[in-house]
Amino acid sequence: MTLTIIDPTISSSPDRRAARAQRAPRPRDLAGLRVGLLENTKRNAAVILDALGERLIQQHGTASLVRRTKKQFALPLTDELVDDLRTSCDVVVIGVGDCGSCSAAAVADGIALEAAGVPTAVICTDAFEATSRAMADIKGDPEYPFVLTAHPVANLSRPEIEVRAEELLDAAVQRVTLRRGAVA
């Protein structure tokens, strides 16, 4: 008897592996735009996104923050939430992927929002980079750029969250705009 082991993180289709999912067009900057903050209910995710959002207003002229919560962190975004974010936001920041299933889901959500025309920055912790990259590959965009931050985030204090938000600011802005260093 022969056993076959299948690795679900490897695509069997060379065409799909070479493909790149559709990415949304980027604005030049965030001045006057509506920035969505999609948190996934993980501990400190909303706090980090709020701290990041305040910096986007203060330093980049963002007009408003649109806060949304994804109730099931490991499941795909609902069509209703994708439509809501597409119509109420100019760009979206998703966070924080700090476990295997929520990191993978956050990347899948970012790719879905990009396909819907919304520039998106996905924040995942470095401990789950492999899981995040595997999901990007499965979703047909193996080079999908997401923003990495040090793991863990769940146990950060408020002062540590402020530092982390400052560290994430440039990478998130570059990810959703045409600013130099941005990946489109």
N, C-alpha and C. Protein backbone atom coordinates (compact mmCIF):
# COMPACT_ATOMS: atom_id res chain seq x y z
N MET A 1 0.83 -1.17 0.00
CA MET A 1 0.00 0.00 0.00
C MET A 1 0.88 1.24 0.00
N THR A 2 0.55 2.21 -0.85
CA THR A 2 1.29 3.45 -0.97
C THR A 2 0.47 4.58 -0.39
N LEU A 3 1.12 5.39 0.42
CA LEU A 3 0.47 6.57 0.98
C LEU A 3 0.92 7.81 0.22
N THR A 4 0.00 8.69 -0.03
CA THR A 4 0.32 9.96 -0.67
C THR A 4 0.06 11.07 0.33
N ILE A 5 1.05 11.91 0.52
CA ILE A 5 0.89 13.04 1.42
C ILE A 5 0.74 14.29 0.56
N ILE A 6 -0.30 15.04 0.82
CA ILE A 6 -0.58 16.25 0.05
C ILE A 6 -0.29 17.46 0.93
N ASP A 7 0.50 18.39 0.38
CA ASP A 7 0.80 19.63 1.08
C ASP A 7 -0.17 20.70 0.59
N PRO A 8 -1.12 21.14 1.43
CA PRO A 8 -2.12 22.11 0.99
C PRO A 8 -1.56 23.51 0.75
N THR A 9 -0.31 23.74 1.12
CA THR A 9 0.26 25.08 0.92
C THR A 9 0.95 25.22 -0.43
N ILE A 10 1.01 24.15 -1.20
CA ILE A 10 1.69 24.19 -2.49
C ILE A 10 0.66 24.07 -3.60
N SER A 11 0.69 24.99 -4.52
CA SER A 11 -0.23 24.98 -5.65
C SER A 11 0.22 23.94 -6.66
N SER A 12 -0.71 23.19 -7.19
CA SER A 12 -0.37 22.20 -8.20
C SER A 12 -0.45 22.79 -9.61
N SER A 13 -0.93 24.00 -9.72
CA SER A 13 -1.10 24.62 -11.02
C SER A 13 0.00 25.64 -11.28
N PRO A 14 0.93 25.35 -12.22
CA PRO A 14 1.98 26.32 -12.51
C PRO A 14 1.41 27.64 -13.03
N ASP A 15 0.31 27.59 -13.78
CA ASP A 15 -0.30 28.82 -14.29
C ASP A 15 -0.77 29.70 -13.15
N ARG A 16 -1.42 29.09 -12.17
CA ARG A 16 -1.93 29.86 -11.05
C ARG A 16 -0.78 30.41 -10.22
N ARG A 17 0.26 29.64 -10.06
CA ARG A 17 1.41 30.08 -9.28
C ARG A 17 2.05 31.31 -9.92
N ALA A 18 2.07 31.36 -11.24
CA ALA A 18 2.68 32.48 -11.94
C ALA A 18 1.75 33.70 -12.02
N ALA A 19 0.48 33.46 -11.80
CA ALA A 19 -0.49 34.56 -11.91
C ALA A 19 -0.38 35.51 -10.73
N ARG A 20 -0.86 36.71 -10.97
CA ARG A 20 -0.92 37.69 -9.89
C ARG A 20 -2.35 38.20 -9.83
N ALA A 21 -2.93 38.12 -8.66
CA ALA A 21 -4.30 38.60 -8.51
C ALA A 21 -4.35 40.09 -8.82
N GLN A 22 -5.53 40.53 -9.14
CA GLN A 22 -5.73 41.95 -9.44
C GLN A 22 -5.47 42.80 -8.20
N ARG A 23 -4.71 43.86 -8.39
CA ARG A 23 -4.46 44.81 -7.31
C ARG A 23 -5.14 46.12 -7.64
N ALA A 24 -5.70 46.73 -6.64
CA ALA A 24 -6.42 48.00 -6.83
C ALA A 24 -5.46 49.13 -7.15
N PRO A 25 -5.92 50.10 -7.93
CA PRO A 25 -5.10 51.29 -8.17
C PRO A 25 -4.88 52.06 -6.87
N ARG A 26 -3.70 52.62 -6.73
CA ARG A 26 -3.32 53.33 -5.51
C ARG A 26 -3.52 54.84 -5.66
N PRO A 27 -3.98 55.50 -4.59
CA PRO A 27 -3.98 56.97 -4.59
C PRO A 27 -2.55 57.47 -4.38
N ARG A 28 -2.33 58.71 -4.77
CA ARG A 28 -1.00 59.31 -4.59
C ARG A 28 -0.64 59.41 -3.11
N ASP A 29 -1.62 59.83 -2.29
CA ASP A 29 -1.41 59.95 -0.85
C ASP A 29 -2.75 59.76 -0.15
N LEU A 30 -2.78 59.95 1.16
CA LEU A 30 -3.99 59.71 1.95
C LEU A 30 -4.75 60.98 2.32
N ALA A 31 -4.28 62.12 1.87
CA ALA A 31 -4.91 63.39 2.21
C ALA A 31 -6.37 63.40 1.75
N GLY A 32 -7.26 63.64 2.70
CA GLY A 32 -8.68 63.74 2.42
C GLY A 32 -9.40 62.42 2.19
N LEU A 33 -8.72 61.31 2.36
CA LEU A 33 -9.33 60.00 2.09
C LEU A 33 -9.93 59.38 3.35
N ARG A 34 -10.83 58.41 3.10
CA ARG A 34 -11.45 57.61 4.16
C ARG A 34 -10.66 56.31 4.29
N VAL A 35 -10.10 56.10 5.48
CA VAL A 35 -9.29 54.90 5.71
C VAL A 35 -10.08 53.92 6.57
N GLY A 36 -10.27 52.73 6.04
CA GLY A 36 -10.93 51.68 6.79
C GLY A 36 -9.94 50.98 7.69
N LEU A 37 -10.37 50.71 8.91
CA LEU A 37 -9.58 49.93 9.86
C LEU A 37 -10.39 48.68 10.17
N LEU A 38 -9.97 47.55 9.62
CA LEU A 38 -10.69 46.29 9.80
C LEU A 38 -9.96 45.44 10.82
N GLU A 39 -10.51 45.38 12.01
CA GLU A 39 -9.88 44.56 13.06
C GLU A 39 -10.58 43.22 13.14
N ASN A 40 -9.83 42.23 13.60
CA ASN A 40 -10.30 40.85 13.57
C ASN A 40 -10.64 40.27 14.94
N THR A 41 -10.83 41.06 15.94
CA THR A 41 -11.18 40.67 17.32
C THR A 41 -10.04 40.03 18.10
N LYS A 42 -8.87 39.96 17.50
CA LYS A 42 -7.73 39.44 18.26
C LYS A 42 -7.31 40.50 19.29
N ARG A 43 -6.78 40.05 20.39
CA ARG A 43 -6.41 40.96 21.46
C ARG A 43 -5.40 42.01 20.96
N ASN A 44 -5.70 43.26 21.21
CA ASN A 44 -4.91 44.44 20.85
C ASN A 44 -5.00 44.83 19.38
N ALA A 45 -5.72 44.08 18.56
CA ALA A 45 -5.83 44.44 17.14
C ALA A 45 -6.50 45.81 16.97
N ALA A 46 -7.62 46.01 17.62
CA ALA A 46 -8.33 47.29 17.50
C ALA A 46 -7.49 48.43 18.06
N VAL A 47 -6.78 48.20 19.13
CA VAL A 47 -5.98 49.24 19.78
C VAL A 47 -4.82 49.66 18.87
N ILE A 48 -4.17 48.69 18.26
CA ILE A 48 -3.07 49.00 17.35
C ILE A 48 -3.59 49.75 16.12
N LEU A 49 -4.71 49.28 15.56
CA LEU A 49 -5.27 49.95 14.40
C LEU A 49 -5.72 51.37 14.74
N ASP A 50 -6.30 51.56 15.92
CA ASP A 50 -6.70 52.91 16.33
C ASP A 50 -5.48 53.83 16.45
N ALA A 51 -4.41 53.33 17.05
CA ALA A 51 -3.19 54.14 17.19
C ALA A 51 -2.61 54.45 15.82
N LEU A 52 -2.63 53.50 14.92
CA LEU A 52 -2.16 53.71 13.56
C LEU A 52 -3.07 54.72 12.85
N GLY A 53 -4.36 54.57 13.02
CA GLY A 53 -5.32 55.48 12.40
C GLY A 53 -5.14 56.92 12.84
N GLU A 54 -4.89 57.13 14.12
CA GLU A 54 -4.66 58.50 14.62
C GLU A 54 -3.42 59.11 13.97
N ARG A 55 -2.41 58.31 13.74
CA ARG A 55 -1.21 58.81 13.07
C ARG A 55 -1.50 59.13 11.60
N LEU A 56 -2.36 58.35 10.97
CA LEU A 56 -2.73 58.63 9.59
C LEU A 56 -3.45 59.97 9.48
N ILE A 57 -4.28 60.28 10.45
CA ILE A 57 -4.97 61.58 10.46
C ILE A 57 -3.96 62.70 10.71
N GLN A 58 -3.14 62.55 11.74
CA GLN A 58 -2.22 63.61 12.14
C GLN A 58 -1.10 63.84 11.13
N GLN A 59 -0.54 62.78 10.58
CA GLN A 59 0.65 62.91 9.75
C GLN A 59 0.39 62.83 8.25
N HIS A 60 -0.78 62.33 7.85
CA HIS A 60 -1.04 62.12 6.42
C HIS A 60 -2.33 62.77 5.94
N GLY A 61 -3.02 63.49 6.81
CA GLY A 61 -4.21 64.22 6.40
C GLY A 61 -5.41 63.38 6.05
N THR A 62 -5.45 62.16 6.56
CA THR A 62 -6.61 61.30 6.34
C THR A 62 -7.86 62.02 6.83
N ALA A 63 -8.93 61.99 6.03
CA ALA A 63 -10.17 62.70 6.38
C ALA A 63 -10.93 62.02 7.50
N SER A 64 -11.02 60.68 7.42
CA SER A 64 -11.80 59.97 8.44
C SER A 64 -11.34 58.52 8.53
N LEU A 65 -11.68 57.93 9.67
CA LEU A 65 -11.41 56.52 9.91
C LEU A 65 -12.74 55.79 9.94
N VAL A 66 -12.81 54.69 9.22
CA VAL A 66 -14.02 53.88 9.17
C VAL A 66 -13.68 52.56 9.86
N ARG A 67 -14.17 52.39 11.08
CA ARG A 67 -13.82 51.20 11.86
C ARG A 67 -14.85 50.10 11.63
N ARG A 68 -14.34 48.92 11.32
CA ARG A 68 -15.19 47.75 11.14
C ARG A 68 -14.53 46.59 11.87
N THR A 69 -15.37 45.63 12.26
CA THR A 69 -14.89 44.44 12.96
C THR A 69 -15.31 43.20 12.21
N LYS A 70 -14.35 42.34 11.98
CA LYS A 70 -14.62 41.02 11.41
C LYS A 70 -14.81 40.08 12.59
N LYS A 71 -16.02 39.59 12.78
CA LYS A 71 -16.36 38.81 13.98
C LYS A 71 -15.71 37.42 14.01
N GLN A 72 -15.53 36.80 12.86
CA GLN A 72 -14.93 35.47 12.77
C GLN A 72 -13.57 35.59 12.11
N PHE A 73 -12.52 35.71 12.92
CA PHE A 73 -11.19 36.04 12.39
C PHE A 73 -10.62 35.03 11.41
N ALA A 74 -11.07 33.78 11.46
CA ALA A 74 -10.49 32.76 10.59
C ALA A 74 -11.32 32.50 9.33
N LEU A 75 -12.46 33.16 9.21
CA LEU A 75 -13.32 32.95 8.05
C LEU A 75 -13.15 34.08 7.04
N PRO A 76 -13.48 33.82 5.77
CA PRO A 76 -13.38 34.88 4.77
C PRO A 76 -14.36 36.02 5.07
N LEU A 77 -14.04 37.19 4.54
CA LEU A 77 -14.96 38.32 4.64
C LEU A 77 -16.27 37.96 3.96
N THR A 78 -17.37 38.42 4.54
CA THR A 78 -18.65 38.23 3.88
C THR A 78 -18.75 39.18 2.69
N ASP A 79 -19.58 38.85 1.74
CA ASP A 79 -19.81 39.74 0.60
C ASP A 79 -20.33 41.09 1.07
N GLU A 80 -21.16 41.07 2.10
CA GLU A 80 -21.72 42.32 2.62
C GLU A 80 -20.63 43.22 3.19
N LEU A 81 -19.67 42.63 3.90
CA LEU A 81 -18.59 43.43 4.48
C LEU A 81 -17.65 43.95 3.39
N VAL A 82 -17.39 43.14 2.38
CA VAL A 82 -16.58 43.61 1.25
C VAL A 82 -17.27 44.79 0.59
N ASP A 83 -18.57 44.67 0.33
CA ASP A 83 -19.32 45.77 -0.29
C ASP A 83 -19.32 47.01 0.60
N ASP A 84 -19.50 46.82 1.89
CA ASP A 84 -19.50 47.94 2.83
C ASP A 84 -18.15 48.66 2.79
N LEU A 85 -17.07 47.92 2.86
CA LEU A 85 -15.74 48.53 2.84
C LEU A 85 -15.45 49.19 1.49
N ARG A 86 -15.89 48.57 0.42
CA ARG A 86 -15.67 49.14 -0.92
C ARG A 86 -16.38 50.48 -1.08
N THR A 87 -17.57 50.60 -0.52
CA THR A 87 -18.34 51.84 -0.69
C THR A 87 -18.03 52.90 0.36
N SER A 88 -17.54 52.50 1.52
CA SER A 88 -17.34 53.48 2.59
C SER A 88 -15.87 53.87 2.82
N CYS A 89 -14.93 53.21 2.11
CA CYS A 89 -13.51 53.46 2.34
C CYS A 89 -12.78 53.66 1.01
N ASP A 90 -11.73 54.46 1.07
CA ASP A 90 -10.85 54.62 -0.09
C ASP A 90 -9.69 53.63 -0.04
N VAL A 91 -9.23 53.32 1.15
CA VAL A 91 -8.20 52.30 1.39
C VAL A 91 -8.55 51.61 2.71
N VAL A 92 -7.99 50.42 2.92
CA VAL A 92 -8.27 49.66 4.15
C VAL A 92 -6.98 49.12 4.72
N VAL A 93 -6.88 49.14 6.06
CA VAL A 93 -5.80 48.49 6.78
C VAL A 93 -6.44 47.36 7.59
N ILE A 94 -5.93 46.14 7.43
CA ILE A 94 -6.45 44.96 8.11
C ILE A 94 -5.44 44.51 9.16
N GLY A 95 -5.93 44.18 10.35
CA GLY A 95 -5.02 43.67 11.35
C GLY A 95 -5.74 43.08 12.54
N VAL A 96 -5.06 42.40 13.28
CA VAL A 96 -3.67 42.00 13.15
C VAL A 96 -3.63 40.48 13.12
N GLY A 97 -3.00 39.95 12.07
CA GLY A 97 -2.84 38.51 11.97
C GLY A 97 -1.73 38.06 12.90
N ASP A 98 -2.11 37.43 14.01
CA ASP A 98 -1.09 36.98 14.96
C ASP A 98 -1.24 35.52 15.35
N CYS A 99 -1.94 34.77 14.49
CA CYS A 99 -1.97 33.31 14.63
C CYS A 99 -2.06 32.75 13.21
N GLY A 100 -1.95 31.46 13.08
CA GLY A 100 -1.93 30.88 11.74
C GLY A 100 -3.20 31.12 10.95
N SER A 101 -4.35 30.82 11.55
CA SER A 101 -5.60 30.95 10.79
C SER A 101 -5.98 32.41 10.57
N CYS A 102 -5.77 33.29 11.53
CA CYS A 102 -6.16 34.69 11.31
C CYS A 102 -5.19 35.40 10.37
N SER A 103 -3.92 35.01 10.36
CA SER A 103 -2.98 35.60 9.41
C SER A 103 -3.35 35.19 7.99
N ALA A 104 -3.61 33.91 7.80
CA ALA A 104 -4.00 33.44 6.47
C ALA A 104 -5.30 34.11 6.02
N ALA A 105 -6.26 34.20 6.91
CA ALA A 105 -7.54 34.82 6.56
C ALA A 105 -7.36 36.31 6.25
N ALA A 106 -6.50 37.00 6.99
CA ALA A 106 -6.27 38.42 6.75
C ALA A 106 -5.68 38.64 5.36
N VAL A 107 -4.75 37.80 4.96
CA VAL A 107 -4.17 37.90 3.62
C VAL A 107 -5.24 37.62 2.56
N ALA A 108 -6.04 36.59 2.77
CA ALA A 108 -7.13 36.28 1.83
C ALA A 108 -8.09 37.47 1.73
N ASP A 109 -8.39 38.10 2.86
CA ASP A 109 -9.27 39.27 2.88
C ASP A 109 -8.66 40.44 2.12
N GLY A 110 -7.37 40.65 2.29
CA GLY A 110 -6.69 41.72 1.57
C GLY A 110 -6.74 41.50 0.07
N ILE A 111 -6.52 40.28 -0.35
CA ILE A 111 -6.58 39.96 -1.78
C ILE A 111 -8.00 40.15 -2.31
N ALA A 112 -9.00 39.78 -1.53
CA ALA A 112 -10.40 39.97 -1.93
C ALA A 112 -10.75 41.45 -2.06
N LEU A 113 -10.30 42.27 -1.12
CA LEU A 113 -10.57 43.70 -1.18
C LEU A 113 -9.84 44.34 -2.37
N GLU A 114 -8.62 43.91 -2.63
CA GLU A 114 -7.89 44.42 -3.79
C GLU A 114 -8.67 44.11 -5.07
N ALA A 115 -9.18 42.90 -5.18
CA ALA A 115 -9.96 42.52 -6.37
C ALA A 115 -11.24 43.35 -6.48
N ALA A 116 -11.75 43.82 -5.34
CA ALA A 116 -12.95 44.68 -5.32
C ALA A 116 -12.59 46.14 -5.57
N GLY A 117 -11.31 46.44 -5.76
CA GLY A 117 -10.89 47.80 -6.08
C GLY A 117 -10.45 48.64 -4.90
N VAL A 118 -10.19 48.00 -3.75
CA VAL A 118 -9.80 48.75 -2.54
C VAL A 118 -8.34 48.46 -2.21
N PRO A 119 -7.45 49.46 -2.29
CA PRO A 119 -6.06 49.26 -1.87
C PRO A 119 -6.03 48.85 -0.39
N THR A 120 -5.27 47.83 -0.08
CA THR A 120 -5.31 47.26 1.26
C THR A 120 -3.91 46.96 1.79
N ALA A 121 -3.71 47.27 3.07
CA ALA A 121 -2.50 46.88 3.79
C ALA A 121 -2.92 45.86 4.84
N VAL A 122 -2.31 44.70 4.79
CA VAL A 122 -2.59 43.63 5.75
C VAL A 122 -1.41 43.54 6.71
N ILE A 123 -1.71 43.59 8.01
CA ILE A 123 -0.65 43.49 9.02
C ILE A 123 -0.70 42.11 9.65
N CYS A 124 0.43 41.40 9.58
CA CYS A 124 0.58 40.08 10.19
C CYS A 124 1.85 40.07 11.03
N THR A 125 1.90 39.19 12.01
CA THR A 125 3.12 39.08 12.80
C THR A 125 4.11 38.15 12.10
N ASP A 126 5.38 38.41 12.35
CA ASP A 126 6.45 37.68 11.67
C ASP A 126 6.46 36.19 11.96
N ALA A 127 5.88 35.77 13.09
CA ALA A 127 5.84 34.35 13.42
C ALA A 127 4.97 33.57 12.44
N PHE A 128 4.08 34.27 11.74
CA PHE A 128 3.16 33.60 10.82
C PHE A 128 3.35 34.06 9.37
N GLU A 129 4.57 34.45 9.06
CA GLU A 129 4.87 34.86 7.69
C GLU A 129 4.66 33.70 6.72
N ALA A 130 5.09 32.51 7.07
CA ALA A 130 4.95 31.36 6.17
C ALA A 130 3.48 31.05 5.90
N THR A 131 2.65 31.11 6.91
CA THR A 131 1.22 30.87 6.74
C THR A 131 0.60 31.94 5.84
N SER A 132 1.01 33.17 6.05
CA SER A 132 0.49 34.28 5.24
C SER A 132 0.90 34.12 3.79
N ARG A 133 2.16 33.76 3.54
CA ARG A 133 2.64 33.57 2.17
C ARG A 133 1.94 32.38 1.51
N ALA A 134 1.70 31.33 2.28
CA ALA A 134 1.01 30.17 1.73
C ALA A 134 -0.39 30.55 1.26
N MET A 135 -1.09 31.36 2.04
CA MET A 135 -2.44 31.77 1.64
C MET A 135 -2.38 32.65 0.40
N ALA A 136 -1.40 33.55 0.32
CA ALA A 136 -1.27 34.38 -0.86
C ALA A 136 -1.09 33.50 -2.10
N ASP A 137 -0.30 32.47 -1.99
CA ASP A 137 -0.08 31.55 -3.09
C ASP A 137 -1.37 30.82 -3.46
N ILE A 138 -2.07 30.33 -2.46
CA ILE A 138 -3.32 29.62 -2.70
C ILE A 138 -4.34 30.53 -3.38
N LYS A 139 -4.34 31.81 -3.03
CA LYS A 139 -5.27 32.77 -3.61
C LYS A 139 -4.80 33.32 -4.96
N GLY A 140 -3.68 32.81 -5.46
CA GLY A 140 -3.23 33.18 -6.79
C GLY A 140 -2.34 34.39 -6.86
N ASP A 141 -1.83 34.84 -5.72
CA ASP A 141 -0.95 36.01 -5.72
C ASP A 141 0.24 35.75 -4.79
N PRO A 142 1.16 34.87 -5.22
CA PRO A 142 2.26 34.48 -4.34
C PRO A 142 3.17 35.63 -3.91
N GLU A 143 3.14 36.73 -4.63
CA GLU A 143 3.97 37.88 -4.28
C GLU A 143 3.18 38.95 -3.52
N TYR A 144 1.97 38.63 -3.08
CA TYR A 144 1.16 39.63 -2.39
C TYR A 144 1.92 40.21 -1.20
N PRO A 145 2.12 41.51 -1.19
CA PRO A 145 2.89 42.13 -0.10
C PRO A 145 2.01 42.45 1.10
N PHE A 146 2.42 41.97 2.24
CA PHE A 146 1.73 42.33 3.48
C PHE A 146 2.77 42.92 4.40
N VAL A 147 2.30 43.58 5.43
CA VAL A 147 3.18 44.27 6.37
C VAL A 147 3.44 43.35 7.55
N LEU A 148 4.71 43.15 7.87
CA LEU A 148 5.06 42.30 9.02
C LEU A 148 5.41 43.14 10.23
N THR A 149 5.00 42.63 11.38
CA THR A 149 5.37 43.24 12.65
C THR A 149 5.83 42.12 13.59
N ALA A 150 6.57 42.49 14.61
CA ALA A 150 7.10 41.48 15.54
C ALA A 150 5.96 40.79 16.29
N HIS A 151 6.15 39.51 16.51
CA HIS A 151 5.20 38.72 17.29
C HIS A 151 5.68 38.69 18.74
N PRO A 152 4.81 38.72 19.70
CA PRO A 152 3.35 38.80 19.65
C PRO A 152 2.86 40.24 19.78
N VAL A 153 1.57 40.44 19.54
CA VAL A 153 0.96 41.75 19.78
C VAL A 153 -0.05 41.69 20.92
N ALA A 154 -0.53 40.53 21.22
CA ALA A 154 -1.60 40.38 22.21
C ALA A 154 -1.22 40.87 23.61
N ASN A 155 0.03 40.76 23.97
CA ASN A 155 0.43 41.13 25.33
C ASN A 155 1.13 42.48 25.44
N LEU A 156 1.04 43.31 24.39
CA LEU A 156 1.70 44.61 24.44
C LEU A 156 0.96 45.57 25.37
N SER A 157 1.73 46.39 26.07
CA SER A 157 1.15 47.44 26.91
C SER A 157 0.79 48.63 26.03
N ARG A 158 0.05 49.58 26.57
CA ARG A 158 -0.34 50.76 25.78
C ARG A 158 0.88 51.51 25.25
N PRO A 159 1.91 51.76 26.05
CA PRO A 159 3.09 52.43 25.49
C PRO A 159 3.76 51.61 24.37
N GLU A 160 3.79 50.29 24.51
CA GLU A 160 4.37 49.44 23.47
C GLU A 160 3.51 49.47 22.19
N ILE A 161 2.21 49.58 22.35
CA ILE A 161 1.31 49.68 21.20
C ILE A 161 1.58 50.97 20.44
N GLU A 162 1.80 52.06 21.17
CA GLU A 162 2.10 53.34 20.51
C GLU A 162 3.39 53.24 19.70
N VAL A 163 4.39 52.60 20.26
CA VAL A 163 5.66 52.40 19.54
C VAL A 163 5.42 51.52 18.31
N ARG A 164 4.67 50.46 18.48
CA ARG A 164 4.41 49.55 17.36
C ARG A 164 3.65 50.26 16.24
N ALA A 165 2.67 51.08 16.59
CA ALA A 165 1.92 51.82 15.57
C ALA A 165 2.84 52.75 14.79
N GLU A 166 3.74 53.40 15.49
CA GLU A 166 4.71 54.29 14.82
C GLU A 166 5.60 53.48 13.88
N GLU A 167 6.02 52.30 14.30
CA GLU A 167 6.86 51.44 13.46
C GLU A 167 6.11 50.96 12.21
N LEU A 168 4.81 50.77 12.31
CA LEU A 168 4.00 50.26 11.20
C LEU A 168 3.56 51.33 10.21
N LEU A 169 3.60 52.58 10.63
CA LEU A 169 3.02 53.67 9.86
C LEU A 169 3.54 53.74 8.43
N ASP A 170 4.83 53.87 8.23
CA ASP A 170 5.37 54.04 6.88
C ASP A 170 5.06 52.84 5.99
N ALA A 171 5.20 51.65 6.51
CA ALA A 171 4.94 50.46 5.71
C ALA A 171 3.48 50.38 5.28
N ALA A 172 2.57 50.71 6.18
CA ALA A 172 1.14 50.69 5.84
C ALA A 172 0.83 51.74 4.78
N VAL A 173 1.37 52.94 4.94
CA VAL A 173 1.13 54.01 3.96
C VAL A 173 1.71 53.62 2.60
N GLN A 174 2.91 53.10 2.59
CA GLN A 174 3.52 52.68 1.33
C GLN A 174 2.71 51.58 0.65
N ARG A 175 2.12 50.73 1.45
CA ARG A 175 1.37 49.61 0.89
C ARG A 175 0.08 50.05 0.20
N VAL A 176 -0.56 51.13 0.66
CA VAL A 176 -1.85 51.53 0.09
C VAL A 176 -1.78 52.75 -0.83
N THR A 177 -0.61 53.34 -1.00
CA THR A 177 -0.48 54.54 -1.84
C THR A 177 0.60 54.34 -2.89
N LEU A 178 0.75 55.35 -3.73
CA LEU A 178 1.82 55.36 -4.73
C LEU A 178 3.10 55.95 -4.19
N ARG A 179 3.13 56.18 -2.88
CA ARG A 179 4.30 56.77 -2.27
C ARG A 179 5.54 55.95 -2.57
N ARG A 180 6.65 56.59 -2.72
CA ARG A 180 7.91 55.91 -3.05
C ARG A 180 8.11 54.69 -2.15
N GLY A 181 8.45 53.58 -2.74
CA GLY A 181 8.66 52.34 -2.00
C GLY A 181 7.40 51.50 -1.94
N ALA A 182 6.28 52.04 -2.43
CA ALA A 182 5.02 51.29 -2.39
C ALA A 182 5.07 50.15 -3.39
N VAL A 183 4.39 49.09 -3.06
CA VAL A 183 4.27 47.94 -3.95
C VAL A 183 2.85 47.93 -4.47
N ALA A 184 2.71 48.00 -5.77
CA ALA A 184 1.36 48.00 -6.36
C ALA A 184 1.03 46.65 -6.95
